[in-house]
């Protein structure tokens, strides 16, 4: 998504409403001012206010965890305070056997969610070659059905209770104060790792590009 403008997109289908948050590319000119960083954060917070059955942290099973992943998770938790109950970790490009074999090696902040809230899927991408796409389409439908079933199970286990992040209850004035607090937290978390303001300006990479917000409309 490098060079792409962050835009929250919402789509409905199959009994679900999915809000996806693409990542931001590097800001032009590198670092930005504190004011610019705050504006980017407040715009993002405004765009994801709502109630959700799941807030999903997405990670490729083929990618190794490192210190940045843990820091991103901490920001994830900070931004969505109040909705912790519906946090779900979703691995992509993997199988259930991979998850079972690697469970003990996963970071504690993943395992702390409990196995019922750590899911895995392997949904094939669209292939523009007709023969392969015909096969992929069938696999995609099966993978989607399995993922939906797992999401429904986790939602049912919570008594079909929706979660509302604290930011959803804030007016614009309070949200502006919150954006400053989030910015300070991001700068603290990434201190001595990368340029804090650059990360803050592009924090959809740290949060938006790895999370989806799902609510059931079934």
N, C-alpha and C. Protein backbone atom coordinates (compact mmCIF):
# COMPACT_ATOMS: atom_id res chain seq x y z
N UNK A 1 0.82 -1.20 0.00
CA UNK A 1 0.00 0.00 0.00
C UNK A 1 0.86 1.26 0.00
N UNK A 2 2.16 1.12 -0.25
CA UNK A 2 3.04 2.28 -0.21
C UNK A 2 2.55 3.38 -1.13
N UNK A 3 2.54 4.60 -0.59
CA UNK A 3 2.13 5.75 -1.40
C UNK A 3 0.63 5.93 -1.47
N UNK A 4 -0.11 5.07 -0.82
CA UNK A 4 -1.57 5.12 -0.88
C UNK A 4 -2.13 6.03 0.20
N UNK A 5 -3.20 6.71 -0.11
CA UNK A 5 -3.87 7.53 0.89
C UNK A 5 -4.72 6.64 1.78
N UNK A 6 -4.65 6.86 3.07
CA UNK A 6 -5.45 6.07 4.00
C UNK A 6 -6.92 6.39 3.82
N UNK A 7 -7.72 5.38 3.58
CA UNK A 7 -9.15 5.58 3.42
C UNK A 7 -9.88 4.38 4.00
N UNK A 8 -10.72 4.63 4.97
CA UNK A 8 -11.48 3.55 5.58
C UNK A 8 -12.63 3.19 4.65
N UNK A 9 -12.75 1.91 4.36
CA UNK A 9 -13.79 1.45 3.45
C UNK A 9 -14.70 0.47 4.17
N UNK A 10 -15.99 0.59 3.94
CA UNK A 10 -16.97 -0.30 4.56
C UNK A 10 -17.78 -0.99 3.49
N UNK A 11 -17.91 -2.30 3.63
CA UNK A 11 -18.68 -3.10 2.68
C UNK A 11 -19.59 -4.04 3.46
N UNK A 12 -20.76 -4.31 2.90
CA UNK A 12 -21.71 -5.24 3.53
C UNK A 12 -21.94 -6.43 2.61
N UNK A 13 -22.11 -7.60 3.20
CA UNK A 13 -22.40 -8.79 2.41
C UNK A 13 -22.36 -10.02 3.28
N UNK A 14 -23.11 -11.05 2.90
CA UNK A 14 -23.11 -12.34 3.57
C UNK A 14 -23.47 -12.21 5.05
N UNK A 15 -24.22 -11.15 5.43
CA UNK A 15 -24.63 -10.98 6.81
C UNK A 15 -23.62 -10.26 7.68
N UNK A 16 -22.56 -9.66 7.04
CA UNK A 16 -21.54 -8.96 7.80
C UNK A 16 -21.34 -7.56 7.24
N UNK A 17 -20.90 -6.65 8.09
CA UNK A 17 -20.44 -5.35 7.64
C UNK A 17 -18.97 -5.25 8.02
N UNK A 18 -18.10 -5.09 7.03
CA UNK A 18 -16.66 -5.08 7.27
C UNK A 18 -16.09 -3.70 6.98
N UNK A 19 -15.37 -3.16 7.95
CA UNK A 19 -14.67 -1.89 7.78
C UNK A 19 -13.19 -2.19 7.70
N UNK A 20 -12.59 -1.87 6.56
CA UNK A 20 -11.18 -2.18 6.33
C UNK A 20 -10.38 -0.88 6.33
N UNK A 21 -9.17 -0.92 6.85
CA UNK A 21 -8.35 0.28 6.96
C UNK A 21 -7.01 0.07 6.27
N UNK A 22 -6.87 0.48 5.01
CA UNK A 22 -5.59 0.33 4.30
C UNK A 22 -4.49 1.13 4.99
N UNK A 23 -3.26 0.70 4.80
CA UNK A 23 -2.14 1.40 5.42
C UNK A 23 -1.76 2.64 4.65
N UNK A 24 -1.01 3.48 5.32
CA UNK A 24 -0.48 4.68 4.68
C UNK A 24 0.94 4.43 4.23
N UNK A 25 1.34 5.06 3.12
CA UNK A 25 2.72 4.98 2.70
C UNK A 25 3.54 6.00 3.46
N UNK A 26 4.82 6.02 3.21
CA UNK A 26 5.70 6.97 3.88
C UNK A 26 5.27 8.39 3.58
N UNK A 27 5.28 9.22 4.58
CA UNK A 27 4.92 10.62 4.38
C UNK A 27 5.97 11.30 3.52
N UNK A 28 5.54 12.17 2.63
CA UNK A 28 6.47 12.89 1.78
C UNK A 28 7.35 13.76 2.67
N UNK A 29 8.67 13.68 2.41
CA UNK A 29 9.58 14.51 3.17
C UNK A 29 9.96 13.94 4.52
N UNK A 30 9.56 12.68 4.82
CA UNK A 30 9.96 12.05 6.07
C UNK A 30 9.14 12.53 7.25
N UNK A 31 9.79 13.15 8.23
CA UNK A 31 9.10 13.57 9.44
C UNK A 31 8.09 14.68 9.15
N UNK A 32 7.09 14.75 9.99
CA UNK A 32 6.08 15.79 9.87
C UNK A 32 5.97 16.50 11.22
N UNK A 33 5.22 17.58 11.24
CA UNK A 33 5.05 18.32 12.48
C UNK A 33 4.10 17.58 13.42
N UNK A 34 4.17 17.95 14.69
CA UNK A 34 3.27 17.37 15.69
C UNK A 34 1.82 17.64 15.31
N UNK A 35 1.54 18.84 14.82
CA UNK A 35 0.17 19.21 14.43
C UNK A 35 -0.33 18.31 13.30
N UNK A 36 0.52 18.05 12.32
CA UNK A 36 0.12 17.18 11.21
C UNK A 36 -0.14 15.76 11.70
N UNK A 37 0.74 15.29 12.57
CA UNK A 37 0.58 13.94 13.11
C UNK A 37 -0.72 13.82 13.89
N UNK A 38 -1.03 14.83 14.70
CA UNK A 38 -2.28 14.81 15.47
C UNK A 38 -3.49 14.79 14.56
N UNK A 39 -3.45 15.54 13.47
CA UNK A 39 -4.58 15.58 12.54
C UNK A 39 -4.81 14.22 11.90
N UNK A 40 -3.72 13.56 11.50
CA UNK A 40 -3.84 12.24 10.89
C UNK A 40 -4.46 11.27 11.89
N UNK A 41 -4.04 11.34 13.14
CA UNK A 41 -4.57 10.44 14.14
C UNK A 41 -6.04 10.72 14.43
N UNK A 42 -6.40 11.99 14.59
CA UNK A 42 -7.80 12.30 14.89
C UNK A 42 -8.72 11.92 13.74
N UNK A 43 -8.26 12.08 12.49
CA UNK A 43 -9.07 11.67 11.34
C UNK A 43 -9.29 10.17 11.35
N UNK A 44 -8.24 9.42 11.72
CA UNK A 44 -8.38 7.97 11.78
C UNK A 44 -9.35 7.57 12.89
N UNK A 45 -9.19 8.17 14.06
CA UNK A 45 -10.07 7.83 15.19
C UNK A 45 -11.53 8.11 14.86
N UNK A 46 -11.78 9.23 14.18
CA UNK A 46 -13.15 9.56 13.78
C UNK A 46 -13.72 8.50 12.84
N UNK A 47 -12.87 8.00 11.95
CA UNK A 47 -13.35 7.10 10.90
C UNK A 47 -13.67 5.70 11.42
N UNK A 48 -13.13 5.34 12.60
CA UNK A 48 -13.37 3.98 13.10
C UNK A 48 -14.26 3.96 14.34
N UNK A 49 -14.95 5.06 14.62
CA UNK A 49 -15.91 5.04 15.73
C UNK A 49 -17.10 4.16 15.35
N UNK A 50 -17.55 3.34 16.28
CA UNK A 50 -18.69 2.47 16.01
C UNK A 50 -18.74 1.32 17.00
N UNK A 51 -19.67 0.39 16.80
CA UNK A 51 -19.74 -0.81 17.63
C UNK A 51 -19.41 -2.01 16.76
N UNK A 52 -18.69 -2.97 17.33
CA UNK A 52 -18.17 -4.07 16.52
C UNK A 52 -18.34 -5.41 17.23
N UNK A 53 -18.53 -6.44 16.41
CA UNK A 53 -18.52 -7.79 16.95
C UNK A 53 -17.09 -8.30 17.03
N UNK A 54 -16.22 -7.81 16.16
CA UNK A 54 -14.81 -8.19 16.18
C UNK A 54 -13.94 -7.01 15.75
N UNK A 55 -12.82 -6.83 16.41
CA UNK A 55 -11.76 -5.95 15.92
C UNK A 55 -10.57 -6.87 15.70
N UNK A 56 -10.17 -7.00 14.45
CA UNK A 56 -9.24 -8.06 14.07
C UNK A 56 -7.85 -7.51 13.75
N UNK A 57 -6.86 -8.09 14.42
CA UNK A 57 -5.46 -7.78 14.19
C UNK A 57 -4.94 -8.83 13.21
N UNK A 58 -4.50 -8.39 12.04
CA UNK A 58 -4.15 -9.33 10.96
C UNK A 58 -2.63 -9.45 10.84
N UNK A 59 -2.16 -10.68 10.74
CA UNK A 59 -0.73 -10.97 10.62
C UNK A 59 -0.52 -12.16 9.70
N UNK A 60 0.41 -12.04 8.74
CA UNK A 60 0.72 -13.17 7.87
C UNK A 60 1.44 -14.25 8.67
N UNK A 61 0.98 -15.48 8.50
CA UNK A 61 1.61 -16.59 9.20
C UNK A 61 3.04 -16.79 8.71
N UNK A 62 3.33 -16.37 7.48
CA UNK A 62 4.65 -16.56 6.91
C UNK A 62 5.67 -15.53 7.40
N UNK A 63 5.21 -14.49 8.09
CA UNK A 63 6.11 -13.45 8.60
C UNK A 63 6.46 -13.69 10.06
N UNK A 64 7.72 -13.58 10.38
CA UNK A 64 8.16 -13.77 11.76
C UNK A 64 7.81 -12.55 12.62
N UNK A 65 7.61 -12.82 13.91
CA UNK A 65 7.35 -11.73 14.85
C UNK A 65 8.67 -11.08 15.25
N UNK A 66 8.61 -9.77 15.48
CA UNK A 66 9.78 -9.08 16.00
C UNK A 66 9.33 -8.03 17.00
N UNK A 67 10.27 -7.21 17.48
CA UNK A 67 9.95 -6.23 18.51
C UNK A 67 8.94 -5.20 18.03
N UNK A 68 8.94 -4.91 16.72
CA UNK A 68 7.99 -3.94 16.18
C UNK A 68 6.56 -4.46 16.30
N UNK A 69 6.36 -5.78 16.09
CA UNK A 69 5.03 -6.36 16.21
C UNK A 69 4.45 -6.13 17.61
N UNK A 70 5.29 -6.32 18.61
CA UNK A 70 4.82 -6.13 19.99
C UNK A 70 4.45 -4.68 20.24
N UNK A 71 5.23 -3.76 19.70
CA UNK A 71 4.94 -2.34 19.89
C UNK A 71 3.66 -1.95 19.14
N UNK A 72 3.46 -2.53 17.95
CA UNK A 72 2.24 -2.27 17.21
C UNK A 72 1.03 -2.76 18.00
N UNK A 73 1.15 -3.93 18.61
CA UNK A 73 0.05 -4.47 19.40
C UNK A 73 -0.29 -3.56 20.57
N UNK A 74 0.74 -3.00 21.20
CA UNK A 74 0.51 -2.10 22.33
C UNK A 74 -0.27 -0.86 21.88
N UNK A 75 0.06 -0.37 20.68
CA UNK A 75 -0.68 0.78 20.14
C UNK A 75 -2.12 0.37 19.82
N UNK A 76 -2.26 -0.84 19.27
CA UNK A 76 -3.58 -1.40 18.97
C UNK A 76 -4.44 -1.40 20.23
N UNK A 77 -3.87 -1.88 21.34
CA UNK A 77 -4.60 -1.93 22.60
C UNK A 77 -4.92 -0.52 23.11
N UNK A 78 -3.98 0.38 22.95
CA UNK A 78 -4.17 1.75 23.44
C UNK A 78 -5.27 2.47 22.67
N UNK A 79 -5.28 2.33 21.35
CA UNK A 79 -6.26 3.03 20.53
C UNK A 79 -7.68 2.53 20.78
N UNK A 80 -7.82 1.21 20.99
CA UNK A 80 -9.15 0.63 21.08
C UNK A 80 -9.52 0.20 22.51
N UNK A 81 -9.09 1.03 23.46
CA UNK A 81 -9.47 0.80 24.86
C UNK A 81 -11.00 0.73 24.97
N UNK A 82 -11.47 -0.24 25.74
CA UNK A 82 -12.90 -0.39 25.93
C UNK A 82 -13.52 -1.48 25.09
N UNK A 83 -12.75 -1.95 24.09
CA UNK A 83 -13.28 -2.99 23.20
C UNK A 83 -12.41 -4.25 23.23
N UNK A 84 -11.63 -4.40 24.31
CA UNK A 84 -10.67 -5.51 24.39
C UNK A 84 -11.34 -6.87 24.24
N UNK A 85 -12.58 -6.97 24.68
CA UNK A 85 -13.26 -8.27 24.66
C UNK A 85 -13.40 -8.83 23.26
N UNK A 86 -13.46 -7.95 22.26
CA UNK A 86 -13.68 -8.46 20.90
C UNK A 86 -12.40 -8.50 20.07
N UNK A 87 -11.23 -8.28 20.71
CA UNK A 87 -9.97 -8.37 19.98
C UNK A 87 -9.77 -9.79 19.47
N UNK A 88 -9.44 -9.90 18.20
CA UNK A 88 -9.19 -11.19 17.57
C UNK A 88 -7.90 -11.10 16.77
N UNK A 89 -7.05 -12.11 16.87
CA UNK A 89 -5.84 -12.18 16.05
C UNK A 89 -6.12 -13.14 14.90
N UNK A 90 -5.88 -12.70 13.69
CA UNK A 90 -6.13 -13.52 12.51
C UNK A 90 -4.84 -13.67 11.71
N UNK A 91 -4.38 -14.92 11.59
CA UNK A 91 -3.24 -15.21 10.73
C UNK A 91 -3.74 -15.53 9.33
N UNK A 92 -3.05 -15.01 8.34
CA UNK A 92 -3.40 -15.32 6.94
C UNK A 92 -2.29 -16.17 6.33
N UNK A 93 -2.62 -16.77 5.21
CA UNK A 93 -1.68 -17.61 4.46
C UNK A 93 -1.12 -18.74 5.32
N UNK A 94 -2.01 -19.36 6.08
CA UNK A 94 -1.60 -20.47 6.94
C UNK A 94 -2.70 -21.50 7.10
N UNK A 95 -2.39 -22.56 7.81
CA UNK A 95 -3.35 -23.64 8.04
C UNK A 95 -3.52 -23.89 9.54
N UNK A 96 -4.57 -24.61 9.88
CA UNK A 96 -4.83 -24.90 11.30
C UNK A 96 -3.71 -25.75 11.88
N UNK A 97 -3.12 -26.63 11.07
CA UNK A 97 -2.01 -27.45 11.57
C UNK A 97 -0.80 -26.57 11.89
N UNK A 98 -0.58 -25.52 11.08
CA UNK A 98 0.52 -24.60 11.35
C UNK A 98 0.30 -23.91 12.69
N UNK A 99 -0.94 -23.48 12.95
CA UNK A 99 -1.25 -22.79 14.19
C UNK A 99 -1.04 -23.71 15.39
N UNK A 100 -1.46 -24.96 15.28
CA UNK A 100 -1.29 -25.92 16.36
C UNK A 100 0.19 -26.17 16.64
N UNK A 101 0.97 -26.35 15.57
CA UNK A 101 2.39 -26.67 15.71
C UNK A 101 3.19 -25.49 16.26
N UNK A 102 2.74 -24.27 15.97
CA UNK A 102 3.51 -23.09 16.36
C UNK A 102 2.94 -22.35 17.56
N UNK A 103 1.87 -22.86 18.16
CA UNK A 103 1.20 -22.14 19.23
C UNK A 103 2.14 -21.76 20.37
N UNK A 104 2.93 -22.72 20.83
CA UNK A 104 3.81 -22.46 21.97
C UNK A 104 4.90 -21.45 21.65
N UNK A 105 5.19 -21.26 20.37
CA UNK A 105 6.25 -20.32 19.98
C UNK A 105 5.72 -18.92 19.70
N UNK A 106 4.41 -18.73 19.77
CA UNK A 106 3.83 -17.42 19.51
C UNK A 106 4.11 -16.49 20.70
N UNK A 107 4.17 -15.19 20.46
CA UNK A 107 4.40 -14.24 21.55
C UNK A 107 3.30 -14.35 22.60
N UNK A 108 3.64 -14.02 23.84
CA UNK A 108 2.66 -14.14 24.93
C UNK A 108 1.45 -13.25 24.69
N UNK A 109 1.65 -12.08 24.04
CA UNK A 109 0.52 -11.18 23.83
C UNK A 109 -0.48 -11.74 22.83
N UNK A 110 -0.05 -12.72 22.02
CA UNK A 110 -0.99 -13.42 21.13
C UNK A 110 -1.68 -14.53 21.91
N UNK A 111 -0.89 -15.34 22.60
CA UNK A 111 -1.46 -16.47 23.35
C UNK A 111 -2.40 -16.02 24.45
N UNK A 112 -2.15 -14.81 24.98
CA UNK A 112 -3.03 -14.30 26.03
C UNK A 112 -4.47 -14.07 25.56
N UNK A 113 -4.67 -13.97 24.27
CA UNK A 113 -6.02 -13.82 23.74
C UNK A 113 -6.81 -15.12 23.87
N UNK A 114 -6.11 -16.24 24.04
CA UNK A 114 -6.77 -17.54 24.13
C UNK A 114 -6.97 -18.12 22.75
N UNK A 115 -6.90 -19.42 22.63
CA UNK A 115 -6.99 -20.08 21.32
C UNK A 115 -8.30 -19.79 20.60
N UNK A 116 -9.35 -19.54 21.36
CA UNK A 116 -10.65 -19.28 20.73
C UNK A 116 -10.66 -17.94 19.99
N UNK A 117 -9.73 -17.04 20.34
CA UNK A 117 -9.68 -15.73 19.71
C UNK A 117 -8.48 -15.55 18.79
N UNK A 118 -7.80 -16.64 18.48
CA UNK A 118 -6.69 -16.61 17.54
C UNK A 118 -7.05 -17.54 16.38
N UNK A 119 -7.33 -16.96 15.24
CA UNK A 119 -7.83 -17.71 14.09
C UNK A 119 -6.79 -17.71 12.97
N UNK A 120 -7.00 -18.60 12.01
CA UNK A 120 -6.11 -18.66 10.86
C UNK A 120 -6.91 -18.99 9.61
N UNK A 121 -6.49 -18.42 8.49
CA UNK A 121 -7.18 -18.67 7.23
C UNK A 121 -6.18 -18.65 6.09
N UNK A 122 -6.58 -19.17 4.97
CA UNK A 122 -5.73 -19.16 3.78
C UNK A 122 -6.64 -18.95 2.56
N UNK A 123 -7.05 -17.72 2.38
CA UNK A 123 -7.97 -17.38 1.30
C UNK A 123 -7.17 -17.05 0.03
N UNK A 124 -7.31 -17.84 -1.02
CA UNK A 124 -6.53 -17.61 -2.24
C UNK A 124 -6.90 -16.27 -2.89
N UNK A 125 -5.91 -15.58 -3.44
CA UNK A 125 -6.18 -14.31 -4.12
C UNK A 125 -6.86 -14.55 -5.47
N UNK A 126 -7.41 -13.49 -6.04
CA UNK A 126 -8.00 -13.60 -7.38
C UNK A 126 -6.90 -13.81 -8.39
N UNK A 127 -7.06 -14.78 -9.26
CA UNK A 127 -6.08 -15.09 -10.31
C UNK A 127 -6.73 -14.75 -11.66
N UNK A 128 -6.06 -13.94 -12.44
CA UNK A 128 -6.63 -13.52 -13.72
C UNK A 128 -6.53 -14.58 -14.81
N UNK A 129 -5.92 -15.72 -14.48
CA UNK A 129 -5.91 -16.85 -15.42
C UNK A 129 -7.17 -17.68 -15.16
N UNK A 130 -8.06 -17.78 -16.13
CA UNK A 130 -9.38 -18.40 -15.93
C UNK A 130 -9.37 -19.77 -15.28
N UNK A 131 -8.48 -20.65 -15.72
CA UNK A 131 -8.47 -22.01 -15.18
C UNK A 131 -8.11 -22.00 -13.70
N UNK A 132 -7.06 -21.26 -13.35
CA UNK A 132 -6.64 -21.21 -11.95
C UNK A 132 -7.66 -20.46 -11.09
N UNK A 133 -8.28 -19.44 -11.65
CA UNK A 133 -9.27 -18.68 -10.89
C UNK A 133 -10.50 -19.53 -10.59
N UNK A 134 -10.85 -20.42 -11.49
CA UNK A 134 -11.99 -21.31 -11.24
C UNK A 134 -11.71 -22.17 -10.02
N UNK A 135 -10.48 -22.66 -9.93
CA UNK A 135 -10.10 -23.46 -8.76
C UNK A 135 -10.03 -22.59 -7.50
N UNK A 136 -9.39 -21.42 -7.64
CA UNK A 136 -9.25 -20.53 -6.49
C UNK A 136 -10.59 -20.07 -5.95
N UNK A 137 -11.54 -19.85 -6.87
CA UNK A 137 -12.86 -19.38 -6.45
C UNK A 137 -13.53 -20.38 -5.52
N UNK A 138 -13.39 -21.66 -5.85
CA UNK A 138 -13.98 -22.71 -5.02
C UNK A 138 -13.28 -22.76 -3.66
N UNK A 139 -11.93 -22.69 -3.67
CA UNK A 139 -11.18 -22.71 -2.43
C UNK A 139 -11.50 -21.48 -1.58
N UNK A 140 -11.67 -20.33 -2.26
CA UNK A 140 -11.95 -19.07 -1.56
C UNK A 140 -13.29 -19.16 -0.83
N UNK A 141 -14.28 -19.74 -1.50
CA UNK A 141 -15.61 -19.87 -0.90
C UNK A 141 -15.56 -20.76 0.34
N UNK A 142 -14.80 -21.85 0.25
CA UNK A 142 -14.67 -22.76 1.39
C UNK A 142 -13.95 -22.08 2.56
N UNK A 143 -12.86 -21.36 2.24
CA UNK A 143 -12.09 -20.69 3.29
C UNK A 143 -12.91 -19.60 3.96
N UNK A 144 -13.67 -18.85 3.17
CA UNK A 144 -14.52 -17.80 3.73
C UNK A 144 -15.58 -18.39 4.64
N UNK A 145 -16.18 -19.50 4.23
CA UNK A 145 -17.22 -20.14 5.03
C UNK A 145 -16.65 -20.60 6.37
N UNK A 146 -15.44 -21.17 6.34
CA UNK A 146 -14.82 -21.63 7.59
C UNK A 146 -14.51 -20.45 8.51
N UNK A 147 -13.99 -19.36 7.93
CA UNK A 147 -13.66 -18.19 8.74
C UNK A 147 -14.92 -17.58 9.36
N UNK A 148 -15.99 -17.48 8.57
CA UNK A 148 -17.25 -16.95 9.09
C UNK A 148 -17.77 -17.80 10.23
N UNK A 149 -17.63 -19.10 10.10
CA UNK A 149 -18.10 -20.00 11.15
C UNK A 149 -17.32 -19.76 12.44
N UNK A 150 -16.00 -19.59 12.32
CA UNK A 150 -15.17 -19.35 13.50
C UNK A 150 -15.50 -18.00 14.14
N UNK A 151 -15.71 -16.99 13.31
CA UNK A 151 -16.08 -15.67 13.84
C UNK A 151 -17.42 -15.72 14.56
N UNK A 152 -18.36 -16.46 14.00
CA UNK A 152 -19.66 -16.61 14.66
C UNK A 152 -19.54 -17.30 16.01
N UNK A 153 -18.63 -18.29 16.09
CA UNK A 153 -18.43 -19.01 17.34
C UNK A 153 -17.88 -18.09 18.42
N UNK A 154 -16.91 -17.25 18.05
CA UNK A 154 -16.34 -16.35 19.05
C UNK A 154 -17.36 -15.30 19.50
N UNK A 155 -18.20 -14.87 18.57
CA UNK A 155 -19.23 -13.89 18.90
C UNK A 155 -20.29 -14.52 19.81
N UNK A 156 -20.65 -15.75 19.51
CA UNK A 156 -21.63 -16.46 20.33
C UNK A 156 -21.08 -16.69 21.73
N UNK A 157 -19.77 -17.00 21.83
CA UNK A 157 -19.15 -17.26 23.13
C UNK A 157 -19.20 -16.02 24.02
N UNK A 158 -19.30 -14.84 23.40
CA UNK A 158 -19.41 -13.59 24.16
C UNK A 158 -20.85 -13.17 24.34
N UNK A 159 -21.76 -14.09 24.08
CA UNK A 159 -23.17 -13.79 24.26
C UNK A 159 -23.71 -12.81 23.23
N UNK A 160 -23.09 -12.83 22.03
CA UNK A 160 -23.48 -11.93 20.93
C UNK A 160 -23.44 -10.46 21.37
N UNK A 161 -22.45 -10.16 22.20
CA UNK A 161 -22.31 -8.81 22.75
C UNK A 161 -21.37 -7.98 21.87
N UNK A 162 -21.84 -6.81 21.43
CA UNK A 162 -21.01 -5.90 20.65
C UNK A 162 -20.09 -5.11 21.57
N UNK A 163 -18.94 -4.75 21.04
CA UNK A 163 -17.98 -3.95 21.81
C UNK A 163 -17.89 -2.56 21.21
N UNK A 164 -17.79 -1.58 22.09
CA UNK A 164 -17.73 -0.18 21.66
C UNK A 164 -16.46 0.46 22.23
N UNK A 165 -15.47 0.79 21.38
CA UNK A 165 -14.27 1.46 21.89
C UNK A 165 -14.62 2.79 22.53
N UNK A 166 -13.84 3.19 23.50
CA UNK A 166 -14.09 4.46 24.18
C UNK A 166 -14.13 5.64 23.22
N UNK A 167 -13.36 5.57 22.14
CA UNK A 167 -13.33 6.68 21.18
C UNK A 167 -14.69 6.89 20.52
N UNK A 168 -15.51 5.84 20.50
CA UNK A 168 -16.83 5.95 19.88
C UNK A 168 -17.79 6.79 20.72
N UNK A 169 -17.45 6.98 21.99
CA UNK A 169 -18.32 7.72 22.89
C UNK A 169 -17.86 9.16 23.08
N UNK A 170 -16.80 9.55 22.36
CA UNK A 170 -16.22 10.89 22.54
C UNK A 170 -16.77 11.88 21.53
N UNK A 171 -16.95 13.12 21.99
CA UNK A 171 -17.29 14.19 21.04
C UNK A 171 -15.99 14.67 20.39
N UNK A 172 -16.11 15.58 19.43
CA UNK A 172 -14.92 16.01 18.68
C UNK A 172 -13.87 16.66 19.58
N UNK A 173 -14.33 17.40 20.60
CA UNK A 173 -13.38 18.05 21.50
C UNK A 173 -12.58 17.02 22.28
N UNK A 174 -13.29 16.02 22.83
CA UNK A 174 -12.60 14.98 23.58
C UNK A 174 -11.71 14.14 22.68
N UNK A 175 -12.15 13.94 21.44
CA UNK A 175 -11.37 13.14 20.50
C UNK A 175 -10.05 13.84 20.16
N UNK A 176 -10.08 15.15 20.10
CA UNK A 176 -8.85 15.89 19.84
C UNK A 176 -7.87 15.71 20.98
N UNK A 177 -8.37 15.74 22.21
CA UNK A 177 -7.52 15.50 23.38
C UNK A 177 -6.98 14.08 23.34
N UNK A 178 -7.83 13.14 22.96
CA UNK A 178 -7.42 11.75 22.88
C UNK A 178 -6.35 11.54 21.82
N UNK A 179 -6.46 12.24 20.70
CA UNK A 179 -5.47 12.09 19.62
C UNK A 179 -4.09 12.52 20.10
N UNK A 180 -4.05 13.59 20.91
CA UNK A 180 -2.77 14.04 21.48
C UNK A 180 -2.21 12.98 22.42
N UNK A 181 -3.09 12.36 23.21
CA UNK A 181 -2.65 11.31 24.13
C UNK A 181 -2.12 10.11 23.36
N UNK A 182 -2.82 9.73 22.29
CA UNK A 182 -2.37 8.60 21.46
C UNK A 182 -1.02 8.91 20.82
N UNK A 183 -0.87 10.14 20.32
CA UNK A 183 0.40 10.54 19.72
C UNK A 183 1.54 10.43 20.74
N UNK A 184 1.32 10.92 21.95
CA UNK A 184 2.34 10.83 22.98
C UNK A 184 2.68 9.38 23.27
N UNK A 185 1.66 8.52 23.26
CA UNK A 185 1.89 7.11 23.54
C UNK A 185 2.71 6.47 22.42
N UNK A 186 2.38 6.79 21.17
CA UNK A 186 3.12 6.25 20.04
C UNK A 186 4.58 6.67 20.11
N UNK A 187 4.81 7.94 20.43
CA UNK A 187 6.18 8.44 20.52
C UNK A 187 6.95 7.74 21.64
N UNK A 188 6.27 7.47 22.74
CA UNK A 188 6.92 6.77 23.85
C UNK A 188 7.25 5.33 23.46
N UNK A 189 6.27 4.64 22.83
CA UNK A 189 6.44 3.25 22.46
C UNK A 189 7.60 3.06 21.49
N UNK A 190 7.69 3.97 20.50
CA UNK A 190 8.71 3.82 19.47
C UNK A 190 10.00 4.59 19.78
N UNK A 191 10.12 5.09 20.98
CA UNK A 191 11.31 5.83 21.36
C UNK A 191 12.56 4.96 21.17
N UNK A 192 13.55 5.52 20.48
CA UNK A 192 14.82 4.85 20.21
C UNK A 192 14.70 3.65 19.26
N UNK A 193 13.55 3.50 18.61
CA UNK A 193 13.41 2.41 17.63
C UNK A 193 13.35 2.99 16.23
N UNK A 194 12.41 3.89 16.00
CA UNK A 194 12.30 4.59 14.73
C UNK A 194 11.91 6.03 15.03
N UNK A 195 11.89 6.88 14.01
CA UNK A 195 11.50 8.26 14.22
C UNK A 195 10.04 8.35 14.66
N UNK A 196 9.77 8.76 15.88
CA UNK A 196 8.40 8.74 16.41
C UNK A 196 7.39 9.53 15.58
N UNK A 197 7.73 10.73 15.15
CA UNK A 197 6.76 11.53 14.42
C UNK A 197 6.46 10.94 13.06
N UNK A 198 7.47 10.32 12.45
CA UNK A 198 7.23 9.67 11.17
C UNK A 198 6.26 8.51 11.36
N UNK A 199 6.45 7.74 12.43
CA UNK A 199 5.53 6.64 12.73
C UNK A 199 4.15 7.17 13.03
N UNK A 200 4.08 8.24 13.82
CA UNK A 200 2.77 8.80 14.17
C UNK A 200 2.04 9.27 12.94
N UNK A 201 2.75 9.90 12.01
CA UNK A 201 2.12 10.40 10.80
C UNK A 201 1.61 9.26 9.94
N UNK A 202 2.26 8.13 10.03
CA UNK A 202 1.88 6.97 9.22
C UNK A 202 1.37 5.84 10.09
N UNK A 203 0.72 6.18 11.20
CA UNK A 203 0.44 5.14 12.17
C UNK A 203 -0.61 4.15 11.68
N UNK A 204 -1.23 4.41 10.52
CA UNK A 204 -2.10 3.38 9.96
C UNK A 204 -1.28 2.16 9.58
N UNK A 205 0.02 2.33 9.35
CA UNK A 205 0.88 1.17 9.13
C UNK A 205 0.93 0.36 10.41
N UNK A 206 1.03 1.07 11.53
CA UNK A 206 1.14 0.40 12.82
C UNK A 206 -0.18 -0.13 13.33
N UNK A 207 -1.28 0.45 12.87
CA UNK A 207 -2.59 0.03 13.35
C UNK A 207 -3.53 -0.29 12.19
N UNK A 208 -3.77 0.67 11.33
CA UNK A 208 -4.79 0.52 10.31
C UNK A 208 -4.55 -0.61 9.34
N UNK A 209 -3.31 -0.77 8.89
CA UNK A 209 -3.07 -1.77 7.85
C UNK A 209 -3.14 -3.18 8.38
N UNK A 210 -3.19 -3.33 9.72
CA UNK A 210 -3.23 -4.69 10.26
C UNK A 210 -4.50 -4.93 11.06
N UNK A 211 -5.53 -4.14 10.81
CA UNK A 211 -6.76 -4.44 11.52
C UNK A 211 -7.99 -4.21 10.66
N UNK A 212 -9.01 -5.00 10.93
CA UNK A 212 -10.31 -4.85 10.31
C UNK A 212 -11.33 -4.77 11.44
N UNK A 213 -12.41 -4.11 11.15
CA UNK A 213 -13.48 -3.95 12.14
C UNK A 213 -14.72 -4.62 11.55
N UNK A 214 -15.23 -5.60 12.25
CA UNK A 214 -16.35 -6.37 11.71
C UNK A 214 -17.52 -6.33 12.66
N UNK A 215 -18.69 -6.11 12.10
CA UNK A 215 -19.90 -6.24 12.91
C UNK A 215 -20.88 -7.09 12.12
N UNK A 216 -21.54 -7.98 12.82
CA UNK A 216 -22.51 -8.84 12.17
C UNK A 216 -23.84 -8.10 12.02
N UNK A 217 -24.49 -8.27 10.89
CA UNK A 217 -25.82 -7.70 10.69
C UNK A 217 -26.82 -8.82 10.45
N UNK A 218 -26.43 -10.00 10.97
CA UNK A 218 -27.28 -11.18 10.78
C UNK A 218 -28.51 -11.09 11.69
